[in-house]
Every structure is written in C-alpha cells, then in structure tokens.
PDB file of N, CA and C in Angstrom:
ATOM      1  N   MET A   1     -92.120 -57.233-108.166  1.00  0.00           N
ATOM      2  CA  MET A   1     -91.358 -56.518-106.973  1.00  0.00           C
ATOM      3  C   MET A   1     -90.285 -56.025-107.745  1.00  0.00           C
ATOM      4  N   GLY A   2     -89.562 -54.960-107.241  1.00  0.00           N
ATOM      5  CA  GLY A   2     -88.667 -54.156-107.978  1.00  0.00           C
ATOM      6  C   GLY A   2     -87.410 -55.002-107.618  1.00  0.00           C
ATOM      7  N   SER A   3     -86.400 -54.672-108.425  1.00  0.00           N
ATOM      8  CA  SER A   3     -85.018 -55.380-108.557  1.00  0.00           C
ATOM      9  C   SER A   3     -83.997 -54.618-107.491  1.00  0.00           C
ATOM     10  N   ARG A   4     -84.307 -53.490-106.982  1.00  0.00           N
ATOM     11  CA  ARG A   4     -83.306 -52.735-106.097  1.00  0.00           C
ATOM     12  C   ARG A   4     -83.741 -53.122-104.554  1.00  0.00           C
ATOM     13  N   LYS A   5     -83.798 -54.283-104.370  1.00  0.00           N
ATOM     14  CA  LYS A   5     -84.170 -54.491-102.952  1.00  0.00           C
ATOM     15  C   LYS A   5     -83.166 -55.807-102.562  1.00  0.00           C
ATOM     16  N   SER A   6     -82.849 -55.676-101.419  1.00  0.00           N
ATOM     17  CA  SER A   6     -81.973 -56.949-101.087  1.00  0.00           C
ATOM     18  C   SER A   6     -82.579 -58.141-100.809  1.00  0.00           C
ATOM     19  N   THR A   7     -81.827 -59.295-101.006  1.00  0.00           N
ATOM     20  CA  THR A   7     -82.681 -60.564-100.931  1.00  0.00           C
ATOM     21  C   THR A   7     -83.363 -60.628 -99.633  1.00  0.00           C
ATOM     22  N   LEU A   8     -82.716 -60.211 -98.560  1.00  0.00           N
ATOM     23  CA  LEU A   8     -83.512 -60.339 -97.182  1.00  0.00           C
ATOM     24  C   LEU A   8     -84.907 -59.663 -97.413  1.00  0.00           C
ATOM     25  N   VAL A   9     -85.019 -58.514 -97.797  1.00  0.00           N
ATOM     26  CA  VAL A   9     -86.116 -57.707 -97.747  1.00  0.00           C
ATOM     27  C   VAL A   9     -87.100 -58.257 -98.986  1.00  0.00           C
ATOM     28  N   LYS A  10     -86.670 -58.983 -99.956  1.00  0.00           N
ATOM     29  CA  LYS A  10     -87.615 -59.744-100.947  1.00  0.00           C
ATOM     30  C   LYS A  10     -88.058 -61.033-100.161  1.00  0.00           C
ATOM     31  N   ARG A  11     -87.345 -61.736 -99.438  1.00  0.00           N
ATOM     32  CA  ARG A  11     -87.886 -62.793 -98.977  1.00  0.00           C
ATOM     33  C   ARG A  11     -89.005 -62.398 -97.510  1.00  0.00           C
ATOM     34  N   ARG A  12     -88.593 -61.422 -96.959  1.00  0.00           N
ATOM     35  CA  ARG A  12     -89.637 -60.963 -95.747  1.00  0.00           C
ATOM     36  C   ARG A  12     -90.711 -60.510 -96.436  1.00  0.00           C
ATOM     37  N   LEU A  13     -90.763 -59.690 -97.752  1.00  0.00           N
ATOM     38  CA  LEU A  13     -92.053 -59.259 -98.449  1.00  0.00           C
ATOM     39  C   LEU A  13     -92.863 -60.488 -98.851  1.00  0.00           C
ATOM     40  N   ALA A  14     -92.091 -61.630 -99.439  1.00  0.00           N
ATOM     41  CA  ALA A  14     -92.867 -62.449-100.097  1.00  0.00           C
ATOM     42  C   ALA A  14     -93.526 -63.343 -99.186  1.00  0.00           C
ATOM     43  N   LYS A  15     -92.795 -63.427 -97.606  1.00  0.00           N
ATOM     44  CA  LYS A  15     -93.226 -64.083 -96.684  1.00  0.00           C
ATOM     45  C   LYS A  15     -94.599 -63.277 -96.089  1.00  0.00           C
ATOM     46  N   ALA A  16     -94.654 -62.024 -96.142  1.00  0.00           N
ATOM     47  CA  ALA A  16     -95.763 -61.290 -95.618  1.00  0.00           C
ATOM     48  C   ALA A  16     -96.947 -61.413 -96.712  1.00  0.00           C
ATOM     49  N   PHE A  17     -96.622 -61.589 -97.848  1.00  0.00           N
ATOM     50  CA  PHE A  17     -97.604 -61.640 -98.971  1.00  0.00           C
ATOM     51  C   PHE A  17     -98.337 -62.967 -98.608  1.00  0.00           C
ATOM     52  N   ARG A  18     -97.585 -64.141 -98.503  1.00  0.00           N
ATOM     53  CA  ARG A  18     -98.116 -65.287 -98.459  1.00  0.00           C
ATOM     54  C   ARG A  18     -99.064 -65.243 -97.142  1.00  0.00           C
ATOM     55  N   MET A  19     -98.772 -64.843 -95.869  1.00  0.00           N
ATOM     56  CA  MET A  19     -99.437 -64.630 -94.811  1.00  0.00           C
ATOM     57  C   MET A  19    -100.624 -63.856 -94.919  1.00  0.00           C
ATOM     58  N   ASN A  20    -100.675 -62.932 -95.837  1.00  0.00           N
ATOM     59  CA  ASN A  20    -101.913 -62.164 -95.965  1.00  0.00           C
ATOM     60  C   ASN A  20    -103.099 -62.879 -96.721  1.00  0.00           C
ATOM     61  N   GLN A  21    -103.026 -63.776 -97.292  1.00  0.00           N
ATOM     62  CA  GLN A  21    -104.043 -64.588 -97.993  1.00  0.00           C
ATOM     63  C   GLN A  21    -104.994 -65.353 -97.196  1.00  0.00           C
ATOM     64  N   ALA A  22    -106.107 -65.347 -97.870  1.00  0.00           N
ATOM     65  CA  ALA A  22    -107.248 -65.742 -97.079  1.00  0.00           C
ATOM     66  C   ALA A  22    -107.289 -67.390 -96.665  1.00  0.00           C
ATOM     67  N   VAL A  23    -108.144 -67.683 -95.936  1.00  0.00           N
ATOM     68  CA  VAL A  23    -108.153 -69.356 -95.745  1.00  0.00           C
ATOM     69  C   VAL A  23    -108.780 -69.738 -97.033  1.00  0.00           C
ATOM     70  N   PRO A  24    -108.332 -70.852 -97.594  1.00  0.00           N
ATOM     71  CA  PRO A  24    -109.020 -71.607 -98.727  1.00  0.00           C
ATOM     72  C   PRO A  24    -110.522 -71.931 -98.353  1.00  0.00           C
ATOM     73  N   ALA A  25    -111.436 -71.785 -99.421  1.00  0.00           N
ATOM     74  CA  ALA A  25    -112.696 -72.239 -99.276  1.00  0.00           C
ATOM     75  C   ALA A  25    -112.920 -73.674 -98.641  1.00  0.00           C
ATOM     76  N   TRP A  26    -112.135 -74.682 -99.162  1.00  0.00           N
ATOM     77  CA  TRP A  26    -112.396 -76.046 -99.161  1.00  0.00           C
ATOM     78  C   TRP A  26    -112.001 -76.322 -97.628  1.00  0.00           C
ATOM     79  N   LYS A  27    -111.062 -75.574 -97.307  1.00  0.00           N
ATOM     80  CA  LYS A  27    -110.404 -75.629 -95.803  1.00  0.00           C
ATOM     81  C   LYS A  27    -111.371 -75.084 -94.798  1.00  0.00           C
ATOM     82  N   ARG A  28    -112.144 -73.801 -95.293  1.00  0.00           N
ATOM     83  CA  ARG A  28    -113.001 -73.201 -94.426  1.00  0.00           C
ATOM     84  C   ARG A  28    -114.314 -74.032 -94.071  1.00  0.00           C
ATOM     85  N   GLU A  29    -114.679 -74.829 -94.890  1.00  0.00           N
ATOM     86  CA  GLU A  29    -115.873 -75.836 -94.766  1.00  0.00           C
ATOM     87  C   GLU A  29    -115.493 -76.671 -93.683  1.00  0.00           C
ATOM     88  N   THR A  30    -114.325 -77.228 -93.633  1.00  0.00           N
ATOM     89  CA  THR A  30    -113.837 -78.280 -92.649  1.00  0.00           C
ATOM     90  C   THR A  30    -113.682 -77.762 -91.159  1.00  0.00           C
ATOM     91  N   LEU A  31    -113.198 -76.602 -91.174  1.00  0.00           N
ATOM     92  CA  LEU A  31    -113.073 -76.073 -89.916  1.00  0.00           C
ATOM     93  C   LEU A  31    -114.231 -75.444 -89.124  1.00  0.00           C
ATOM     94  N   SER A  32    -113.987 -74.969 -87.894  1.00  0.00           N
ATOM     95  CA  SER A  32    -115.232 -74.273 -87.118  1.00  0.00           C
ATOM     96  C   SER A  32    -115.160 -73.018 -87.638  1.00  0.00           C
ATOM     97  N   PRO A  33    -116.158 -72.057 -87.261  1.00  0.00           N
ATOM     98  CA  PRO A  33    -116.235 -70.692 -87.903  1.00  0.00           C
ATOM     99  C   PRO A  33    -115.143 -69.842 -87.464  1.00  0.00           C
ATOM    100  N   ARG A  34    -114.657 -70.170 -85.923  1.00  0.00           N
ATOM    101  CA  ARG A  34    -113.705 -69.390 -85.449  1.00  0.00           C
ATOM    102  C   ARG A  34    -112.344 -69.588 -86.427  1.00  0.00           C
ATOM    103  N   ASP A  35    -112.085 -70.660 -86.746  1.00  0.00           N
ATOM    104  CA  ASP A  35    -110.749 -71.067 -87.202  1.00  0.00           C
ATOM    105  C   ASP A  35    -110.903 -70.970 -88.909  1.00  0.00           C
ATOM    106  N   GLY A  36    -111.970 -70.426 -89.337  1.00  0.00           N
ATOM    107  CA  GLY A  36    -112.000 -70.382 -90.923  1.00  0.00           C
ATOM    108  C   GLY A  36    -111.765 -68.946 -91.183  1.00  0.00           C
ATOM    109  N   TYR A  37    -111.090 -68.200 -90.601  1.00  0.00           N
ATOM    110  CA  TYR A  37    -110.863 -66.921 -90.852  1.00  0.00           C
ATOM    111  C   TYR A  37    -109.155 -66.589 -90.458  1.00  0.00           C
ATOM    112  N   ASN A  38    -108.657 -65.986 -91.245  1.00  0.00           N
ATOM    113  CA  ASN A  38    -107.261 -65.530 -91.059  1.00  0.00           C
ATOM    114  C   ASN A  38    -107.248 -64.183 -90.326  1.00  0.00           C
ATOM    115  N   PHE A  39    -107.051 -64.295 -88.967  1.00  0.00           N
ATOM    116  CA  PHE A  39    -107.050 -63.142 -87.963  1.00  0.00           C
ATOM    117  C   PHE A  39    -105.692 -62.154 -88.370  1.00  0.00           C
ATOM    118  N   LYS A  40    -104.763 -62.779 -88.944  1.00  0.00           N
ATOM    119  CA  LYS A  40    -103.566 -61.898 -89.332  1.00  0.00           C
ATOM    120  C   LYS A  40    -103.635 -61.368 -90.669  1.00  0.00           C
ATOM    121  N   ARG A  41    -104.746 -61.153 -91.135  1.00  0.00           N
ATOM    122  CA  ARG A  41    -104.994 -60.430 -92.280  1.00  0.00           C
ATOM    123  C   ARG A  41    -104.621 -58.832 -92.252  1.00  0.00           C
ATOM    124  N   ARG A  42    -103.993 -58.316 -93.076  1.00  0.00           N
ATOM    125  CA  ARG A  42    -103.224 -56.853 -93.079  1.00  0.00           C
ATOM    126  C   ARG A  42    -103.663 -56.156 -94.354  1.00  0.00           C
ATOM    127  N   ASN A  43    -104.002 -54.839 -93.775  1.00  0.00           N
ATOM    128  CA  ASN A  43    -104.385 -53.951 -95.205  1.00  0.00           C
ATOM    129  C   ASN A  43    -103.135 -53.090 -95.408  1.00  0.00           C
ATOM    130  N   TRP A  44    -102.871 -53.006 -96.745  1.00  0.00           N
ATOM    131  CA  TRP A  44    -101.636 -52.412 -97.035  1.00  0.00           C
ATOM    132  C   TRP A  44    -101.675 -50.899 -96.762  1.00  0.00           C
ATOM    133  N   ARG A  45    -102.614 -50.189 -96.356  1.00  0.00           N
ATOM    134  CA  ARG A  45    -102.868 -48.953 -96.101  1.00  0.00           C
ATOM    135  C   ARG A  45    -102.787 -48.536 -94.645  1.00  0.00           C
ATOM    136  N   SER A  46    -103.604 -49.422 -93.940  1.00  0.00           N
ATOM    137  CA  SER A  46    -103.771 -49.200 -92.255  1.00  0.00           C
ATOM    138  C   SER A  46    -102.536 -49.669 -91.690  1.00  0.00           C
ATOM    139  N   THR A  47    -101.979 -50.854 -91.999  1.00  0.00           N
ATOM    140  CA  THR A  47    -100.860 -51.478 -91.207  1.00  0.00           C
ATOM    141  C   THR A  47     -99.720 -51.711 -92.130  1.00  0.00           C
ATOM    142  N   LYS A  48     -98.653 -51.005 -91.863  1.00  0.00           N
ATOM    143  CA  LYS A  48     -97.451 -51.072 -92.494  1.00  0.00           C
ATOM    144  C   LYS A  48     -96.607 -52.258 -91.997  1.00  0.00           C
ATOM    145  N   LEU A  49     -95.843 -52.553 -92.681  1.00  0.00           N
ATOM    146  CA  LEU A  49     -94.671 -53.785 -92.165  1.00  0.00           C
ATOM    147  C   LEU A  49     -93.429 -53.145 -91.839  1.00  0.00           C
ATOM    148  N   LYS A  50     -92.723 -53.462 -90.916  1.00  0.00           N
ATOM    149  CA  LYS A  50     -91.411 -53.186 -90.152  1.00  0.00           C
ATOM    150  C   LYS A  50     -90.428 -53.997 -90.850  1.00  0.00           C
ATOM    151  N   ILE A  51     -90.135 -53.698 -92.138  1.00  0.00           N
ATOM    152  CA  ILE A  51     -89.310 -54.572 -92.832  1.00  0.00           C
ATOM    153  C   ILE A  51     -87.861 -53.783 -92.981  1.00  0.00           C
ATOM    154  N   TYR A  52     -87.978 -52.460 -93.178  1.00  0.00           N
ATOM    155  CA  TYR A  52     -86.776 -51.561 -93.421  1.00  0.00           C
ATOM    156  C   TYR A  52     -86.300 -50.861 -92.139  1.00  0.00           C
TER     157      TYR A  52
END
C-alpha cells in the first residue's frame, strides 16, 4: 500500500481487504452450504469502494 494516503483511508482499505477474503475451508465444512460462502465478496474491477 502506498504511503501517500491518510491513516483513515489505509484503515478502510485494510478492512475491505479483510472482508473480501473467502470463508476458510475448515469452517466451510462445519457450516451449512448457504453459510459456507462469503456473499460480500467483491471484485476489484466490477465493484469499486466508496472510500475517497
């Protein structure tokens, strides 16, 4: 991540990065098929963040 960003922007980008990860495989086995998928997954091209 570049250094010429404010701390607030960096924190929001880091949160979006964490939220965009998949559900772990070990947790997917214990959950139901509906809950084993992250419905908030976001593609960097199709859906942009409203940070700025």
